[in-house]
Amino acid sequence: MNEQELELFQEVQDSVQRCKPNCGCIHCPQGGQGFVEDSLFIVKNHKIIWAVILFDGTVAFKEVSPEWLEVFSEIIVDSPSIFVVFDRCHKIVEYVTHQDKVLPN
């Protein structure tokens, strides 16, 4: 991780720790993937960040635009499960949301 990426990751971790003090904030220098236990939107320093805590305590994040937030936040909030893939800098590079479907009568 370069210095700027490390600084952003530290800011995200600090924000997550303030909101969720029991989060372990595990570091995965090789990247990883997993299901999301909790999801947060952080607005700081003119940035909007979608941060997730995986079930194993790992934190990953994605810097998003106001347009992304407007379009995707409801999908994220309403989804019963979310799976993310993140790189060595803990930036989310792929995500899949699941919506329950009911068979019509």
C-alpha atoms as a PDB file:
ATOM      1  CA  MET A   1       0.000   0.000   0.000  1.00  0.00           C
ATOM      2  CA  ASN A   2       1.319   3.447  -0.788  1.00  0.00           C
ATOM      3  CA  GLU A   3       1.129   6.216   1.800  1.00  0.00           C
ATOM      4  CA  GLN A   4      -2.090   7.777   0.428  1.00  0.00           C
ATOM      5  CA  GLU A   5      -3.898   4.425   0.302  1.00  0.00           C
ATOM      6  CA  LEU A   6      -2.690   3.573   3.802  1.00  0.00           C
ATOM      7  CA  GLU A   7      -3.924   6.930   5.106  1.00  0.00           C
ATOM      8  CA  LEU A   8      -7.376   6.421   3.558  1.00  0.00           C
ATOM      9  CA  PHE A   9      -7.594   2.869   4.935  1.00  0.00           C
ATOM     10  CA  GLN A  10      -6.630   4.169   8.395  1.00  0.00           C
ATOM     11  CA  GLU A  11      -9.329   6.870   8.189  1.00  0.00           C
ATOM     12  CA  VAL A  12     -11.910   4.233   7.277  1.00  0.00           C
ATOM     13  CA  GLN A  13     -10.762   1.948  10.102  1.00  0.00           C
ATOM     14  CA  ASP A  14     -10.911   4.828  12.603  1.00  0.00           C
ATOM     15  CA  SER A  15     -14.453   5.747  11.516  1.00  0.00           C
ATOM     16  CA  VAL A  16     -15.575   2.123  11.727  1.00  0.00           C
ATOM     17  CA  GLN A  17     -14.009   1.762  15.208  1.00  0.00           C
ATOM     18  CA  ARG A  18     -15.867   4.861  16.438  1.00  0.00           C
ATOM     19  CA  CYS A  19     -19.174   3.486  15.179  1.00  0.00           C
ATOM     20  CA  LYS A  20     -18.505  -0.177  16.004  1.00  0.00           C
ATOM     21  CA  PRO A  21     -15.966  -0.294  18.880  1.00  0.00           C
ATOM     22  CA  ASN A  22     -15.991  -4.110  19.005  1.00  0.00           C
ATOM     23  CA  CYS A  23     -14.873  -4.469  15.372  1.00  0.00           C
ATOM     24  CA  GLY A  24     -11.510  -6.212  15.137  1.00  0.00           C
ATOM     25  CA  CYS A  25     -10.622  -4.459  11.848  1.00  0.00           C
ATOM     26  CA  ILE A  26      -8.473  -7.338  10.610  1.00  0.00           C
ATOM     27  CA  HIS A  27      -5.866  -6.431   7.967  1.00  0.00           C
ATOM     28  CA  CYS A  28      -5.528  -8.673   4.873  1.00  0.00           C
ATOM     29  CA  PRO A  29      -2.479  -7.545   2.865  1.00  0.00           C
ATOM     30  CA  GLN A  30      -3.244 -10.117   0.155  1.00  0.00           C
ATOM     31  CA  GLY A  31      -6.882  -9.021  -0.329  1.00  0.00           C
ATOM     32  CA  GLY A  32      -9.858 -11.247   0.218  1.00  0.00           C
ATOM     33  CA  GLN A  33     -13.556 -11.802  -0.010  1.00  0.00           C
ATOM     34  CA  GLY A  34     -16.566 -12.625   2.102  1.00  0.00           C
ATOM     35  CA  PHE A  35     -20.099 -11.895   3.198  1.00  0.00           C
ATOM     36  CA  VAL A  36     -20.940  -8.561   4.806  1.00  0.00           C
ATOM     37  CA  GLU A  37     -22.089  -8.506   8.428  1.00  0.00           C
ATOM     38  CA  ASP A  38     -22.504  -4.731   8.644  1.00  0.00           C
ATOM     39  CA  SER A  39     -22.457  -1.824   6.219  1.00  0.00           C
ATOM     40  CA  LEU A  40     -21.770   1.875   6.858  1.00  0.00           C
ATOM     41  CA  PHE A  41     -21.713   5.057   4.826  1.00  0.00           C
ATOM     42  CA  ILE A  42     -18.981   7.488   5.916  1.00  0.00           C
ATOM     43  CA  VAL A  43     -18.950  11.115   4.795  1.00  0.00           C
ATOM     44  CA  LYS A  44     -15.665  12.812   5.608  1.00  0.00           C
ATOM     45  CA  ASN A  45     -13.387  15.378   3.970  1.00  0.00           C
ATOM     46  CA  HIS A  46     -15.731  15.777   0.990  1.00  0.00           C
ATOM     47  CA  LYS A  47     -15.615  12.020   0.352  1.00  0.00           C
ATOM     48  CA  ILE A  48     -18.387   9.439   0.542  1.00  0.00           C
ATOM     49  CA  ILE A  49     -17.196   5.989   1.504  1.00  0.00           C
ATOM     50  CA  TRP A  50     -19.177   2.767   1.661  1.00  0.00           C
ATOM     51  CA  ALA A  51     -17.474   0.646   4.336  1.00  0.00           C
ATOM     52  CA  VAL A  52     -18.315  -2.935   5.175  1.00  0.00           C
ATOM     53  CA  ILE A  53     -17.403  -5.244   8.029  1.00  0.00           C
ATOM     54  CA  LEU A  54     -17.220  -8.889   7.029  1.00  0.00           C
ATOM     55  CA  PHE A  55     -18.252 -11.700   9.358  1.00  0.00           C
ATOM     56  CA  ASP A  56     -14.578 -12.396  10.139  1.00  0.00           C
ATOM     57  CA  GLY A  57     -13.976  -8.770  11.235  1.00  0.00           C
ATOM     58  CA  THR A  58     -12.235  -7.596   8.058  1.00  0.00           C
ATOM     59  CA  VAL A  59     -13.044  -4.058   6.911  1.00  0.00           C
ATOM     60  CA  ALA A  60     -13.275  -3.186   3.210  1.00  0.00           C
ATOM     61  CA  PHE A  61     -14.427   0.001   1.521  1.00  0.00           C
ATOM     62  CA  LYS A  62     -15.335   1.742  -1.706  1.00  0.00           C
ATOM     63  CA  GLU A  63     -15.149   5.473  -2.345  1.00  0.00           C
ATOM     64  CA  VAL A  64     -18.413   6.371  -4.093  1.00  0.00           C
ATOM     65  CA  SER A  65     -19.943   9.352  -5.836  1.00  0.00           C
ATOM     66  CA  PRO A  66     -23.188  11.079  -4.834  1.00  0.00           C
ATOM     67  CA  GLU A  67     -24.754   9.518  -7.939  1.00  0.00           C
ATOM     68  CA  TRP A  68     -23.639   6.025  -6.899  1.00  0.00           C
ATOM     69  CA  LEU A  69     -25.078   6.635  -3.443  1.00  0.00           C
ATOM     70  CA  GLU A  70     -28.399   7.757  -4.905  1.00  0.00           C
ATOM     71  CA  VAL A  71     -28.682   4.728  -7.194  1.00  0.00           C
ATOM     72  CA  PHE A  72     -27.189   1.903  -5.114  1.00  0.00           C
ATOM     73  CA  SER A  73     -27.665   2.780  -1.432  1.00  0.00           C
ATOM     74  CA  GLU A  74     -31.238   1.472  -1.322  1.00  0.00           C
ATOM     75  CA  ILE A  75     -30.130  -1.788  -2.930  1.00  0.00           C
ATOM     76  CA  ILE A  76     -27.341  -2.138  -0.356  1.00  0.00           C
ATOM     77  CA  VAL A  77     -29.591  -1.307   2.593  1.00  0.00           C
ATOM     78  CA  ASP A  78     -32.457  -3.574   1.457  1.00  0.00           C
ATOM     79  CA  SER A  79     -30.337  -6.585   0.502  1.00  0.00           C
ATOM     80  CA  PRO A  80     -30.465  -9.526   2.930  1.00  0.00           C
ATOM     81  CA  SER A  81     -26.910 -10.534   1.955  1.00  0.00           C
ATOM     82  CA  ILE A  82     -23.946  -8.900   0.227  1.00  0.00           C
ATOM     83  CA  PHE A  83     -20.742 -10.566  -0.942  1.00  0.00           C
ATOM     84  CA  VAL A  84     -17.640  -8.446  -1.620  1.00  0.00           C
ATOM     85  CA  VAL A  85     -14.200  -8.991  -3.114  1.00  0.00           C
ATOM     86  CA  PHE A  86     -11.462  -6.563  -2.076  1.00  0.00           C
ATOM     87  CA  ASP A  87      -7.869  -5.918  -3.129  1.00  0.00           C
ATOM     88  CA  ARG A  88      -4.713  -5.710  -0.993  1.00  0.00           C
ATOM     89  CA  CYS A  89      -5.609  -2.089  -0.137  1.00  0.00           C
ATOM     90  CA  HIS A  90      -8.999  -3.259   1.180  1.00  0.00           C
ATOM     91  CA  LYS A  91     -10.786  -1.462  -1.671  1.00  0.00           C
ATOM     92  CA  ILE A  92     -13.922  -3.253  -2.840  1.00  0.00           C
ATOM     93  CA  VAL A  93     -13.412  -4.320  -6.456  1.00  0.00           C
ATOM     94  CA  GLU A  94     -16.576  -6.409  -6.855  1.00  0.00           C
ATOM     95  CA  TYR A  95     -19.795  -6.862  -4.951  1.00  0.00           C
ATOM     96  CA  VAL A  96     -22.929  -8.946  -5.328  1.00  0.00           C
ATOM     97  CA  THR A  97     -26.226  -8.212  -3.595  1.00  0.00           C
ATOM     98  CA  HIS A  98     -28.955 -10.760  -3.041  1.00  0.00           C
ATOM     99  CA  GLN A  99     -32.630  -9.923  -3.113  1.00  0.00           C
ATOM    100  CA  ASP A 100     -35.147 -12.523  -1.963  1.00  0.00           C
ATOM    101  CA  LYS A 101     -37.735 -13.334  -4.603  1.00  0.00           C
ATOM    102  CA  VAL A 102     -41.179 -14.707  -3.888  1.00  0.00           C
ATOM    103  CA  LEU A 103     -42.953 -17.001  -6.325  1.00  0.00           C
ATOM    104  CA  PRO A 104     -46.189 -15.291  -7.455  1.00  0.00           C
ATOM    105  CA  ASN A 105     -49.452 -17.083  -6.660  1.00  0.00           C
END
